[in-house]
Amino acid sequence: MAKQREADSSLQDRQKLYEAVGRRVREARKAAKLTQEDLASRVSLTRTSVTNIEKGRQKLLLHTLFELASAMKTPVNRLIPESEPAERVQIERELNSGLSKAERDWIISEVSKPSKQANKL
C-alpha cells in the first residue's frame, strides 16, 4: 500500500513537472511573439505537439527542450522550473496543520535561509 502511494506521488510529481515546463514554454513563446504554429515549424513539430507540451500532456526529449529554447531565443534554464529542496518538503510535512498558510510560508522561508557560516564559504 505504501509503495503504491509513493508510485502515485512520483507520477503526480512528474506530471506537475511537465505542466510547469509547459507553462514556461508558453510564456517564453508569447514573450518571443511567436504563435504555436511558428514555434512548431521552427523545431519540426506539429502545432498540436506544441499545444500538448504547453499543457503538460506531451513528454518531450531533452534535445527538443533545447531546440524550443533556441527557437524562442531564450536560455533553456528559463524553461526548467527550480526544484524544491527536499528539506523544504520535509519541513512542510512536519508543520502543524493548525498554522495559517502565511505562518507556514514564513517558517519555511526562515528555516530555508542559508546560514551565515555557509555564506562565508
PDB file of N, CA and C in Angstrom:
ATOM      1  N   MET A   1       0.819  -1.189   0.000  1.00  0.00           N
ATOM      2  CA  MET A   1       0.000   0.000   0.000  1.00  0.00           C
ATOM      3  C   MET A   1       0.865   1.257   0.000  1.00  0.00           C
ATOM      4  N   ALA A   2       1.900   1.282   0.846  1.00  0.00           N
ATOM      5  CA  ALA A   2       2.785   2.449   0.925  1.00  0.00           C
ATOM      6  C   ALA A   2       3.551   2.630  -0.386  1.00  0.00           C
ATOM      7  N   LYS A   3       3.963   1.527  -0.997  1.00  0.00           N
ATOM      8  CA  LYS A   3       4.684   1.617  -2.269  1.00  0.00           C
ATOM      9  C   LYS A   3       3.786   2.184  -3.357  1.00  0.00           C
ATOM     10  N   GLN A   4       2.522   1.813  -3.327  1.00  0.00           N
ATOM     11  CA  GLN A   4       1.573   2.337  -4.316  1.00  0.00           C
ATOM     12  C   GLN A   4       1.398   3.834  -4.144  1.00  0.00           C
ATOM     13  N   ARG A   5       1.314   4.286  -2.892  1.00  0.00           N
ATOM     14  CA  ARG A   5       1.191   5.735  -2.636  1.00  0.00           C
ATOM     15  C   ARG A   5       2.426   6.474  -3.132  1.00  0.00           C
ATOM     16  N   GLU A   6       3.614   5.902  -2.892  1.00  0.00           N
ATOM     17  CA  GLU A   6       4.851   6.514  -3.369  1.00  0.00           C
ATOM     18  C   GLU A   6       4.862   6.582  -4.886  1.00  0.00           C
ATOM     19  N   ALA A   7       4.429   5.519  -5.544  1.00  0.00           N
ATOM     20  CA  ALA A   7       4.387   5.491  -7.008  1.00  0.00           C
ATOM     21  C   ALA A   7       3.400   6.529  -7.525  1.00  0.00           C
ATOM     22  N   ASP A   8       2.245   6.628  -6.884  1.00  0.00           N
ATOM     23  CA  ASP A   8       1.247   7.626  -7.282  1.00  0.00           C
ATOM     24  C   ASP A   8       1.786   9.039  -7.091  1.00  0.00           C
ATOM     25  N   SER A   9       2.475   9.255  -5.969  1.00  0.00           N
ATOM     26  CA  SER A   9       3.047  10.567  -5.676  1.00  0.00           C
ATOM     27  C   SER A   9       4.122  10.921  -6.694  1.00  0.00           C
ATOM     28  N   SER A  10       4.948   9.945  -7.040  1.00  0.00           N
ATOM     29  CA  SER A  10       6.005  10.170  -8.024  1.00  0.00           C
ATOM     30  C   SER A  10       5.416  10.515  -9.383  1.00  0.00           C
ATOM     31  N   LEU A  11       4.358   9.820  -9.760  1.00  0.00           N
ATOM     32  CA  LEU A  11       3.687  10.089 -11.026  1.00  0.00           C
ATOM     33  C   LEU A  11       3.085  11.499 -11.029  1.00  0.00           C
ATOM     34  N   GLN A  12       2.478  11.889  -9.921  1.00  0.00           N
ATOM     35  CA  GLN A  12       1.915  13.235  -9.802  1.00  0.00           C
ATOM     36  C   GLN A  12       3.015  14.286  -9.874  1.00  0.00           C
ATOM     37  N   ASP A  13       4.157  14.020  -9.223  1.00  0.00           N
ATOM     38  CA  ASP A  13       5.277  14.955  -9.263  1.00  0.00           C
ATOM     39  C   ASP A  13       5.779  15.132 -10.692  1.00  0.00           C
ATOM     40  N   ARG A  14       5.882  14.029 -11.431  1.00  0.00           N
ATOM     41  CA  ARG A  14       6.323  14.118 -12.824  1.00  0.00           C
ATOM     42  C   ARG A  14       5.338  14.914 -13.655  1.00  0.00           C
ATOM     43  N   GLN A  15       4.057  14.676 -13.441  1.00  0.00           N
ATOM     44  CA  GLN A  15       3.035  15.413 -14.189  1.00  0.00           C
ATOM     45  C   GLN A  15       3.116  16.902 -13.887  1.00  0.00           C
ATOM     46  N   LYS A  16       3.313  17.250 -12.622  1.00  0.00           N
ATOM     47  CA  LYS A  16       3.456  18.663 -12.242  1.00  0.00           C
ATOM     48  C   LYS A  16       4.679  19.281 -12.913  1.00  0.00           C
ATOM     49  N   LEU A  17       5.747  18.505 -13.044  1.00  0.00           N
ATOM     50  CA  LEU A  17       6.950  18.988 -13.704  1.00  0.00           C
ATOM     51  C   LEU A  17       6.664  19.316 -15.165  1.00  0.00           C
ATOM     52  N   TYR A  18       6.003  18.398 -15.866  1.00  0.00           N
ATOM     53  CA  TYR A  18       5.689  18.653 -17.280  1.00  0.00           C
ATOM     54  C   TYR A  18       4.737  19.839 -17.438  1.00  0.00           C
ATOM     55  N   GLU A  19       3.818  19.994 -16.503  1.00  0.00           N
ATOM     56  CA  GLU A  19       2.908  21.140 -16.556  1.00  0.00           C
ATOM     57  C   GLU A  19       3.668  22.447 -16.328  1.00  0.00           C
ATOM     58  N   ALA A  20       4.618  22.433 -15.389  1.00  0.00           N
ATOM     59  CA  ALA A  20       5.411  23.635 -15.109  1.00  0.00           C
ATOM     60  C   ALA A  20       6.295  23.994 -16.305  1.00  0.00           C
ATOM     61  N   VAL A  21       6.910  22.991 -16.913  1.00  0.00           N
ATOM     62  CA  VAL A  21       7.723  23.236 -18.109  1.00  0.00           C
ATOM     63  C   VAL A  21       6.833  23.791 -19.213  1.00  0.00           C
ATOM     64  N   GLY A  22       5.669  23.209 -19.381  1.00  0.00           N
ATOM     65  CA  GLY A  22       4.726  23.665 -20.407  1.00  0.00           C
ATOM     66  C   GLY A  22       4.340  25.120 -20.231  1.00  0.00           C
ATOM     67  N   ARG A  23       4.057  25.511 -18.981  1.00  0.00           N
ATOM     68  CA  ARG A  23       3.723  26.921 -18.714  1.00  0.00           C
ATOM     69  C   ARG A  23       4.874  27.839 -19.092  1.00  0.00           C
ATOM     70  N   ARG A  24       6.088  27.398 -18.784  1.00  0.00           N
ATOM     71  CA  ARG A  24       7.259  28.215 -19.105  1.00  0.00           C
ATOM     72  C   ARG A  24       7.494  28.295 -20.612  1.00  0.00           C
ATOM     73  N   VAL A  25       7.235  27.207 -21.310  1.00  0.00           N
ATOM     74  CA  VAL A  25       7.352  27.222 -22.775  1.00  0.00           C
ATOM     75  C   VAL A  25       6.342  28.209 -23.353  1.00  0.00           C
ATOM     76  N   ARG A  26       5.110  28.137 -22.874  1.00  0.00           N
ATOM     77  CA  ARG A  26       4.068  29.050 -23.363  1.00  0.00           C
ATOM     78  C   ARG A  26       4.438  30.511 -23.084  1.00  0.00           C
ATOM     79  N   GLU A  27       4.914  30.803 -21.869  1.00  0.00           N
ATOM     80  CA  GLU A  27       5.307  32.171 -21.525  1.00  0.00           C
ATOM     81  C   GLU A  27       6.450  32.661 -22.421  1.00  0.00           C
ATOM     82  N   ALA A  28       7.439  31.804 -22.644  1.00  0.00           N
ATOM     83  CA  ALA A  28       8.572  32.176 -23.493  1.00  0.00           C
ATOM     84  C   ALA A  28       8.135  32.372 -24.941  1.00  0.00           C
ATOM     85  N   ARG A  29       7.238  31.516 -25.395  1.00  0.00           N
ATOM     86  CA  ARG A  29       6.733  31.645 -26.770  1.00  0.00           C
ATOM     87  C   ARG A  29       6.011  32.970 -26.946  1.00  0.00           C
ATOM     88  N   LYS A  30       5.166  33.306 -26.006  1.00  0.00           N
ATOM     89  CA  LYS A  30       4.433  34.566 -26.090  1.00  0.00           C
ATOM     90  C   LYS A  30       5.375  35.760 -25.992  1.00  0.00           C
ATOM     91  N   ALA A  31       6.373  35.670 -25.122  1.00  0.00           N
ATOM     92  CA  ALA A  31       7.352  36.754 -24.991  1.00  0.00           C
ATOM     93  C   ALA A  31       8.133  36.932 -26.291  1.00  0.00           C
ATOM     94  N   ALA A  32       8.350  35.824 -27.018  1.00  0.00           N
ATOM     95  CA  ALA A  32       9.056  35.881 -28.299  1.00  0.00           C
ATOM     96  C   ALA A  32       8.125  36.284 -29.440  1.00  0.00           C
ATOM     97  N   LYS A  33       6.846  36.500 -29.098  1.00  0.00           N
ATOM     98  CA  LYS A  33       5.832  36.896 -30.080  1.00  0.00           C
ATOM     99  C   LYS A  33       5.704  35.878 -31.214  1.00  0.00           C
ATOM    100  N   LEU A  34       5.681  34.607 -30.808  1.00  0.00           N
ATOM    101  CA  LEU A  34       5.515  33.513 -31.764  1.00  0.00           C
ATOM    102  C   LEU A  34       4.168  32.843 -31.537  1.00  0.00           C
ATOM    103  N   THR A  35       3.548  32.408 -32.615  1.00  0.00           N
ATOM    104  CA  THR A  35       2.355  31.581 -32.476  1.00  0.00           C
ATOM    105  C   THR A  35       2.816  30.144 -32.258  1.00  0.00           C
ATOM    106  N   GLN A  36       1.889  29.306 -31.853  1.00  0.00           N
ATOM    107  CA  GLN A  36       2.237  27.892 -31.716  1.00  0.00           C
ATOM    108  C   GLN A  36       2.679  27.324 -33.057  1.00  0.00           C
ATOM    109  N   GLU A  37       2.028  27.750 -34.111  1.00  0.00           N
ATOM    110  CA  GLU A  37       2.383  27.294 -35.460  1.00  0.00           C
ATOM    111  C   GLU A  37       3.804  27.711 -35.821  1.00  0.00           C
ATOM    112  N   ASP A  38       4.155  28.978 -35.524  1.00  0.00           N
ATOM    113  CA  ASP A  38       5.512  29.474 -35.805  1.00  0.00           C
ATOM    114  C   ASP A  38       6.555  28.645 -35.069  1.00  0.00           C
ATOM    115  N   LEU A  39       6.314  28.438 -33.782  1.00  0.00           N
ATOM    116  CA  LEU A  39       7.270  27.678 -32.975  1.00  0.00           C
ATOM    117  C   LEU A  39       7.378  26.245 -33.481  1.00  0.00           C
ATOM    118  N   ALA A  40       6.246  25.649 -33.773  1.00  0.00           N
ATOM    119  CA  ALA A  40       6.241  24.264 -34.257  1.00  0.00           C
ATOM    120  C   ALA A  40       7.070  24.115 -35.522  1.00  0.00           C
ATOM    121  N   SER A  41       6.906  25.038 -36.457  1.00  0.00           N
ATOM    122  CA  SER A  41       7.643  24.919 -37.719  1.00  0.00           C
ATOM    123  C   SER A  41       9.139  25.112 -37.516  1.00  0.00           C
ATOM    124  N   ARG A  42       9.520  25.915 -36.534  1.00  0.00           N
ATOM    125  CA  ARG A  42      10.957  26.149 -36.280  1.00  0.00           C
ATOM    126  C   ARG A  42      11.655  24.937 -35.684  1.00  0.00           C
ATOM    127  N   VAL A  43      10.897  24.072 -35.023  1.00  0.00           N
ATOM    128  CA  VAL A  43      11.518  22.913 -34.374  1.00  0.00           C
ATOM    129  C   VAL A  43      11.006  21.582 -34.930  1.00  0.00           C
ATOM    130  N   SER A  44      10.373  21.638 -36.082  1.00  0.00           N
ATOM    131  CA  SER A  44       9.870  20.438 -36.761  1.00  0.00           C
ATOM    132  C   SER A  44       8.898  19.626 -35.912  1.00  0.00           C
ATOM    133  N   LEU A  45       7.961  20.325 -35.283  1.00  0.00           N
ATOM    134  CA  LEU A  45       6.879  19.689 -34.555  1.00  0.00           C
ATOM    135  C   LEU A  45       5.561  20.128 -35.178  1.00  0.00           C
ATOM    136  N   THR A  46       4.497  19.491 -34.783  1.00  0.00           N
ATOM    137  CA  THR A  46       3.179  19.956 -35.218  1.00  0.00           C
ATOM    138  C   THR A  46       2.676  20.986 -34.203  1.00  0.00           C
ATOM    139  N   ARG A  47       1.723  21.797 -34.629  1.00  0.00           N
ATOM    140  CA  ARG A  47       1.139  22.771 -33.713  1.00  0.00           C
ATOM    141  C   ARG A  47       0.485  22.046 -32.542  1.00  0.00           C
ATOM    142  N   THR A  48      -0.130  20.900 -32.828  1.00  0.00           N
ATOM    143  CA  THR A  48      -0.765  20.107 -31.775  1.00  0.00           C
ATOM    144  C   THR A  48       0.262  19.654 -30.740  1.00  0.00           C
ATOM    145  N   SER A  49       1.448  19.286 -31.192  1.00  0.00           N
ATOM    146  CA  SER A  49       2.501  18.891 -30.248  1.00  0.00           C
ATOM    147  C   SER A  49       2.884  20.054 -29.342  1.00  0.00           C
ATOM    148  N   VAL A  50       3.007  21.246 -29.909  1.00  0.00           N
ATOM    149  CA  VAL A  50       3.340  22.422 -29.103  1.00  0.00           C
ATOM    150  C   VAL A  50       2.230  22.675 -28.088  1.00  0.00           C
ATOM    151  N   THR A  51       0.989  22.573 -28.526  1.00  0.00           N
ATOM    152  CA  THR A  51      -0.150  22.748 -27.619  1.00  0.00           C
ATOM    153  C   THR A  51      -0.066  21.749 -26.472  1.00  0.00           C
ATOM    154  N   ASN A  52       0.185  20.490 -26.801  1.00  0.00           N
ATOM    155  CA  ASN A  52       0.255  19.446 -25.778  1.00  0.00           C
ATOM    156  C   ASN A  52       1.440  19.633 -24.840  1.00  0.00           C
ATOM    157  N   ILE A  53       2.565  20.102 -25.353  1.00  0.00           N
ATOM    158  CA  ILE A  53       3.722  20.392 -24.497  1.00  0.00           C
ATOM    159  C   ILE A  53       3.358  21.512 -23.532  1.00  0.00           C
ATOM    160  N   GLU A  54       2.743  22.567 -24.050  1.00  0.00           N
ATOM    161  CA  GLU A  54       2.385  23.707 -23.210  1.00  0.00           C
ATOM    162  C   GLU A  54       1.375  23.339 -22.135  1.00  0.00           C
ATOM    163  N   LYS A  55       0.574  22.334 -22.384  1.00  0.00           N
ATOM    164  CA  LYS A  55      -0.417  21.905 -21.396  1.00  0.00           C
ATOM    165  C   LYS A  55       0.110  20.784 -20.504  1.00  0.00           C
ATOM    166  N   GLY A  56       1.345  20.358 -20.730  1.00  0.00           N
ATOM    167  CA  GLY A  56       1.942  19.312 -19.909  1.00  0.00           C
ATOM    168  C   GLY A  56       1.458  17.921 -20.242  1.00  0.00           C
ATOM    169  N   ARG A  57       0.807  17.774 -21.385  1.00  0.00           N
ATOM    170  CA  ARG A  57       0.267  16.469 -21.775  1.00  0.00           C
ATOM    171  C   ARG A  57       1.252  15.652 -22.591  1.00  0.00           C
ATOM    172  N   GLN A  58       2.244  16.301 -23.163  1.00  0.00           N
ATOM    173  CA  GLN A  58       3.204  15.586 -24.006  1.00  0.00           C
ATOM    174  C   GLN A  58       4.587  15.667 -23.391  1.00  0.00           C
ATOM    175  N   LYS A  59       5.190  14.513 -23.221  1.00  0.00           N
ATOM    176  CA  LYS A  59       6.555  14.450 -22.716  1.00  0.00           C
ATOM    177  C   LYS A  59       7.480  14.906 -23.835  1.00  0.00           C
ATOM    178  N   LEU A  60       8.579  15.555 -23.459  1.00  0.00           N
ATOM    179  CA  LEU A  60       9.487  15.970 -24.507  1.00  0.00           C
ATOM    180  C   LEU A  60      10.904  15.533 -24.182  1.00  0.00           C
ATOM    181  N   LEU A  61      11.642  15.258 -25.222  1.00  0.00           N
ATOM    182  CA  LEU A  61      13.027  14.838 -25.086  1.00  0.00           C
ATOM    183  C   LEU A  61      13.888  16.052 -24.782  1.00  0.00           C
ATOM    184  N   LEU A  62      15.014  15.799 -24.154  1.00  0.00           N
ATOM    185  CA  LEU A  62      15.916  16.874 -23.750  1.00  0.00           C
ATOM    186  C   LEU A  62      16.356  17.721 -24.939  1.00  0.00           C
ATOM    187  N   HIS A  63      16.692  17.085 -26.059  1.00  0.00           N
ATOM    188  CA  HIS A  63      17.144  17.862 -27.218  1.00  0.00           C
ATOM    189  C   HIS A  63      16.006  18.740 -27.756  1.00  0.00           C
ATOM    190  N   THR A  64      14.762  18.291 -27.607  1.00  0.00           N
ATOM    191  CA  THR A  64      13.620  19.101 -28.041  1.00  0.00           C
ATOM    192  C   THR A  64      13.482  20.335 -27.167  1.00  0.00           C
ATOM    193  N   LEU A  65      13.727  20.192 -25.886  1.00  0.00           N
ATOM    194  CA  LEU A  65      13.675  21.339 -24.980  1.00  0.00           C
ATOM    195  C   LEU A  65      14.715  22.380 -25.391  1.00  0.00           C
ATOM    196  N   PHE A  66      15.911  21.925 -25.741  1.00  0.00           N
ATOM    197  CA  PHE A  66      16.959  22.842 -26.185  1.00  0.00           C
ATOM    198  C   PHE A  66      16.581  23.501 -27.515  1.00  0.00           C
ATOM    199  N   GLU A  67      15.981  22.733 -28.414  1.00  0.00           N
ATOM    200  CA  GLU A  67      15.549  23.303 -29.699  1.00  0.00           C
ATOM    201  C   GLU A  67      14.461  24.359 -29.495  1.00  0.00           C
ATOM    202  N   LEU A  68      13.527  24.084 -28.603  1.00  0.00           N
ATOM    203  CA  LEU A  68      12.476  25.061 -28.302  1.00  0.00           C
ATOM    204  C   LEU A  68      13.091  26.351 -27.750  1.00  0.00           C
ATOM    205  N   ALA A  69      13.999  26.202 -26.810  1.00  0.00           N
ATOM    206  CA  ALA A  69      14.648  27.377 -26.216  1.00  0.00           C
ATOM    207  C   ALA A  69      15.383  28.179 -27.284  1.00  0.00           C
ATOM    208  N   SER A  70      16.105  27.496 -28.138  1.00  0.00           N
ATOM    209  CA  SER A  70      16.844  28.172 -29.200  1.00  0.00           C
ATOM    210  C   SER A  70      15.900  28.906 -30.157  1.00  0.00           C
ATOM    211  N   ALA A  71      14.817  28.263 -30.518  1.00  0.00           N
ATOM    212  CA  ALA A  71      13.858  28.872 -31.444  1.00  0.00           C
ATOM    213  C   ALA A  71      13.207  30.118 -30.844  1.00  0.00           C
ATOM    214  N   MET A  72      13.083  30.138 -29.516  1.00  0.00           N
ATOM    215  CA  MET A  72      12.472  31.293 -28.849  1.00  0.00           C
ATOM    216  C   MET A  72      13.515  32.284 -28.352  1.00  0.00           C
ATOM    217  N   LYS A  73      14.795  31.964 -28.628  1.00  0.00           N
ATOM    218  CA  LYS A  73      15.911  32.812 -28.206  1.00  0.00           C
ATOM    219  C   LYS A  73      15.858  33.089 -26.701  1.00  0.00           C
ATOM    220  N   THR A  74      15.698  32.002 -25.965  1.00  0.00           N
ATOM    221  CA  THR A  74      15.669  32.094 -24.505  1.00  0.00           C
ATOM    222  C   THR A  74      16.589  31.031 -23.925  1.00  0.00           C
ATOM    223  N   PRO A  75      17.215  31.295 -22.801  1.00  0.00           N
ATOM    224  CA  PRO A  75      18.064  30.270 -22.177  1.00  0.00           C
ATOM    225  C   PRO A  75      17.214  29.066 -21.751  1.00  0.00           C
ATOM    226  N   VAL A  76      17.731  27.891 -21.956  1.00  0.00           N
ATOM    227  CA  VAL A  76      16.982  26.678 -21.650  1.00  0.00           C
ATOM    228  C   VAL A  76      16.632  26.610 -20.170  1.00  0.00           C
ATOM    229  N   ASN A  77      17.466  27.177 -19.308  1.00  0.00           N
ATOM    230  CA  ASN A  77      17.172  27.109 -17.872  1.00  0.00           C
ATOM    231  C   ASN A  77      15.915  27.892 -17.501  1.00  0.00           C
ATOM    232  N   ARG A  78      15.465  28.803 -18.351  1.00  0.00           N
ATOM    233  CA  ARG A  78      14.209  29.520 -18.088  1.00  0.00           C
ATOM    234  C   ARG A  78      12.996  28.624 -18.324  1.00  0.00           C
ATOM    235  N   LEU A  79      13.201  27.536 -19.024  1.00  0.00           N
ATOM    236  CA  LEU A  79      12.103  26.611 -19.292  1.00  0.00           C
ATOM    237  C   LEU A  79      11.994  25.522 -18.235  1.00  0.00           C
ATOM    238  N   ILE A  80      12.993  25.431 -17.382  1.00  0.00           N
ATOM    239  CA  ILE A  80      13.026  24.381 -16.365  1.00  0.00           C
ATOM    240  C   ILE A  80      12.755  24.999 -14.996  1.00  0.00           C
ATOM    241  N   PRO A  81      11.707  24.544 -14.324  1.00  0.00           N
ATOM    242  CA  PRO A  81      11.404  25.105 -13.002  1.00  0.00           C
ATOM    243  C   PRO A  81      12.440  24.679 -11.970  1.00  0.00           C
ATOM    244  N   GLU A  82      12.623  25.526 -10.978  1.00  0.00           N
ATOM    245  CA  GLU A  82      13.523  25.162  -9.895  1.00  0.00           C
ATOM    246  C   GLU A  82      12.849  24.071  -9.073  1.00  0.00           C
ATOM    247  N   SER A  83      13.639  23.124  -8.640  1.00  0.00           N
ATOM    248  CA  SER A  83      13.068  22.068  -7.810  1.00  0.00           C
ATOM    249  C   SER A  83      13.082  22.524  -6.360  1.00  0.00           C
ATOM    250  N   GLU A  84      12.112  22.040  -5.615  1.00  0.00           N
ATOM    251  CA  GLU A  84      12.071  22.371  -4.198  1.00  0.00           C
ATOM    252  C   GLU A  84      13.062  21.481  -3.471  1.00  0.00           C
ATOM    253  N   PRO A  85      13.869  22.071  -2.628  1.00  0.00           N
ATOM    254  CA  PRO A  85      14.799  21.238  -1.866  1.00  0.00           C
ATOM    255  C   PRO A  85      14.037  20.236  -1.002  1.00  0.00           C
ATOM    256  N   ALA A  86      14.601  19.063  -0.871  1.00  0.00           N
ATOM    257  CA  ALA A  86      13.966  18.007  -0.078  1.00  0.00           C
ATOM    258  C   ALA A  86      13.729  18.481   1.351  1.00  0.00           C
ATOM    259  N   GLU A  87      14.628  19.322   1.843  1.00  0.00           N
ATOM    260  CA  GLU A  87      14.485  19.842   3.205  1.00  0.00           C
ATOM    261  C   GLU A  87      13.177  20.616   3.354  1.00  0.00           C
ATOM    262  N   ARG A  88      12.860  21.433   2.377  1.00  0.00           N
ATOM    263  CA  ARG A  88      11.627  22.233   2.434  1.00  0.00           C
ATOM    264  C   ARG A  88      10.405  21.318   2.453  1.00  0.00           C
ATOM    265  N   VAL A  89      10.420  20.306   1.623  1.00  0.00           N
ATOM    266  CA  VAL A  89       9.297  19.375   1.563  1.00  0.00           C
ATOM    267  C   VAL A  89       9.126  18.690   2.913  1.00  0.00           C
ATOM    268  N   GLN A  90      10.233  18.277   3.526  1.00  0.00           N
ATOM    269  CA  GLN A  90      10.174  17.613   4.829  1.00  0.00           C
ATOM    270  C   GLN A  90       9.628  18.566   5.890  1.00  0.00           C
ATOM    271  N   ILE A  91      10.064  19.814   5.862  1.00  0.00           N
ATOM    272  CA  ILE A  91       9.579  20.807   6.827  1.00  0.00           C
ATOM    273  C   ILE A  91       8.080  20.987   6.668  1.00  0.00           C
ATOM    274  N   GLU A  92       7.619  21.107   5.436  1.00  0.00           N
ATOM    275  CA  GLU A  92       6.188  21.292   5.190  1.00  0.00           C
ATOM    276  C   GLU A  92       5.376  20.137   5.759  1.00  0.00           C
ATOM    277  N   ARG A  93       5.900  18.938   5.643  1.00  0.00           N
ATOM    278  CA  ARG A  93       5.189  17.766   6.159  1.00  0.00           C
ATOM    279  C   ARG A  93       5.061  17.809   7.677  1.00  0.00           C
ATOM    280  N   GLU A  94       6.096  18.336   8.323  1.00  0.00           N
ATOM    281  CA  GLU A  94       6.132  18.305   9.772  1.00  0.00           C
ATOM    282  C   GLU A  94       5.438  19.494  10.431  1.00  0.00           C
ATOM    283  N   LEU A  95       5.136  20.524   9.669  1.00  0.00           N
ATOM    284  CA  LEU A  95       4.497  21.695  10.257  1.00  0.00           C
ATOM    285  C   LEU A  95       3.102  21.375  10.754  1.00  0.00           C
ATOM    286  N   ASN A  96       2.746  22.025  11.825  1.00  0.00           N
ATOM    287  CA  ASN A  96       1.421  21.854  12.409  1.00  0.00           C
ATOM    288  C   ASN A  96       0.359  22.290  11.414  1.00  0.00           C
ATOM    289  N   SER A  97      -0.595  21.441  11.167  1.00  0.00           N
ATOM    290  CA  SER A  97      -1.639  21.775  10.192  1.00  0.00           C
ATOM    291  C   SER A  97      -2.528  22.898  10.689  1.00  0.00           C
ATOM    292  N   GLY A  98      -2.432  23.266  11.964  1.00  0.00           N
ATOM    293  CA  GLY A  98      -3.233  24.343  12.512  1.00  0.00           C
ATOM    294  C   GLY A  98      -2.705  25.726  12.161  1.00  0.00           C
ATOM    295  N   LEU A  99      -1.526  25.788  11.519  1.00  0.00           N
ATOM    296  CA  LEU A  99      -0.956  27.080  11.149  1.00  0.00           C
ATOM    297  C   LEU A  99      -1.606  27.601   9.878  1.00  0.00           C
ATOM    298  N   SER A 100      -1.646  28.911   9.750  1.00  0.00           N
ATOM    299  CA  SER A 100      -2.153  29.505   8.511  1.00  0.00           C
ATOM    300  C   SER A 100      -1.098  29.336   7.422  1.00  0.00           C
ATOM    301  N   LYS A 101      -1.508  29.516   6.180  1.00  0.00           N
ATOM    302  CA  LYS A 101      -0.578  29.426   5.058  1.00  0.00           C
ATOM    303  C   LYS A 101       0.529  30.460   5.209  1.00  0.00           C
ATOM    304  N   ALA A 102       0.182  31.667   5.623  1.00  0.00           N
ATOM    305  CA  ALA A 102       1.183  32.734   5.802  1.00  0.00           C
ATOM    306  C   ALA A 102       2.201  32.336   6.865  1.00  0.00           C
ATOM    307  N   GLU A 103       1.730  31.741   7.953  1.00  0.00           N
ATOM    308  CA  GLU A 103       2.645  31.313   9.012  1.00  0.00           C
ATOM    309  C   GLU A 103       3.570  30.206   8.519  1.00  0.00           C
ATOM    310  N   ARG A 104       2.995  29.224   7.820  1.00  0.00           N
ATOM    311  CA  ARG A 104       3.821  28.132   7.272  1.00  0.00           C
ATOM    312  C   ARG A 104       4.855  28.666   6.301  1.00  0.00           C
ATOM    313  N   ASP A 105       4.429  29.566   5.385  1.00  0.00           N
ATOM    314  CA  ASP A 105       5.360  30.124   4.405  1.00  0.00           C
ATOM    315  C   ASP A 105       6.492  30.876   5.081  1.00  0.00           C
ATOM    316  N   TRP A 106       6.168  31.642   6.139  1.00  0.00           N
ATOM    317  CA  TRP A 106       7.205  32.401   6.844  1.00  0.00           C
ATOM    318  C   TRP A 106       8.201  31.460   7.502  1.00  0.00           C
ATOM    319  N   ILE A 107       7.696  30.431   8.180  1.00  0.00           N
ATOM    320  CA  ILE A 107       8.582  29.476   8.852  1.00  0.00           C
ATOM    321  C   ILE A 107       9.485  28.792   7.835  1.00  0.00           C
ATOM    322  N   ILE A 108       8.911  28.365   6.737  1.00  0.00           N
ATOM    323  CA  ILE A 108       9.695  27.681   5.704  1.00  0.00           C
ATOM    324  C   ILE A 108      10.759  28.610   5.144  1.00  0.00           C
ATOM    325  N   SER A 109      10.407  29.864   4.877  1.00  0.00           N
ATOM    326  CA  SER A 109      11.397  30.798   4.317  1.00  0.00           C
ATOM    327  C   SER A 109      12.533  31.044   5.305  1.00  0.00           C
ATOM    328  N   GLU A 110      12.200  31.136   6.600  1.00  0.00           N
ATOM    329  CA  GLU A 110      13.235  31.376   7.604  1.00  0.00           C
ATOM    330  C   GLU A 110      14.158  30.170   7.774  1.00  0.00           C
ATOM    331  N   VAL A 111      13.564  28.993   7.820  1.00  0.00           N
ATOM    332  CA  VAL A 111      14.353  27.778   8.005  1.00  0.00           C
ATOM    333  C   VAL A 111      15.196  27.480   6.768  1.00  0.00           C
ATOM    334  N   SER A 112      14.708  27.873   5.605  1.00  0.00           N
ATOM    335  CA  SER A 112      15.408  27.563   4.353  1.00  0.00           C
ATOM    336  C   SER A 112      16.536  28.537   4.033  1.00  0.00           C
ATOM    337  N   LYS A 113      16.629  29.632   4.772  1.00  0.00           N
ATOM    338  CA  LYS A 113      17.689  30.604   4.505  1.00  0.00           C
ATOM    339  C   LYS A 113      19.039  29.962   4.781  1.00  0.00           C
ATOM    340  N   PRO A 114      20.025  30.275   3.928  1.00  0.00           N
ATOM    341  CA  PRO A 114      21.362  29.731   4.193  1.00  0.00           C
ATOM    342  C   PRO A 114      21.918  30.321   5.485  1.00  0.00           C
ATOM    343  N   SER A 115      22.673  29.516   6.188  1.00  0.00           N
ATOM    344  CA  SER A 115      23.261  30.030   7.424  1.00  0.00           C
ATOM    345  C   SER A 115      24.331  31.057   7.098  1.00  0.00           C
ATOM    346  N   LYS A 116      24.619  31.922   8.059  1.00  0.00           N
ATOM    347  CA  LYS A 116      25.653  32.948   7.844  1.00  0.00           C
ATOM    348  C   LYS A 116      26.997  32.307   7.606  1.00  0.00           C
ATOM    349  N   GLN A 117      27.258  31.178   8.255  1.00  0.00           N
ATOM    350  CA  GLN A 117      28.527  30.495   8.052  1.00  0.00           C
ATOM    351  C   GLN A 117      28.627  29.957   6.637  1.00  0.00           C
ATOM    352  N   ALA A 118      27.540  29.449   6.065  1.00  0.00           N
ATOM    353  CA  ALA A 118      27.549  28.938   4.685  1.00  0.00           C
ATOM    354  C   ALA A 118      27.836  30.063   3.718  1.00  0.00           C
ATOM    355  N   ASN A 119      27.382  31.282   4.035  1.00  0.00           N
ATOM    356  CA  ASN A 119      27.630  32.421   3.155  1.00  0.00           C
ATOM    357  C   ASN A 119      29.097  32.814   3.131  1.00  0.00           C
ATOM    358  N   LYS A 120      29.846  32.485   4.200  1.00  0.00           N
ATOM    359  CA  LYS A 120      31.266  32.844   4.270  1.00  0.00           C
ATOM    360  C   LYS A 120      32.134  31.922   3.431  1.00  0.00           C
ATOM    361  N   LEU A 121      31.630  30.746   3.108  1.00  0.00           N
ATOM    362  CA  LEU A 121      32.424  29.765   2.358  1.00  0.00           C
ATOM    363  C   LEU A 121      32.652  30.133   0.956  1.00  0.00           C
TER     364      LEU A 121
END
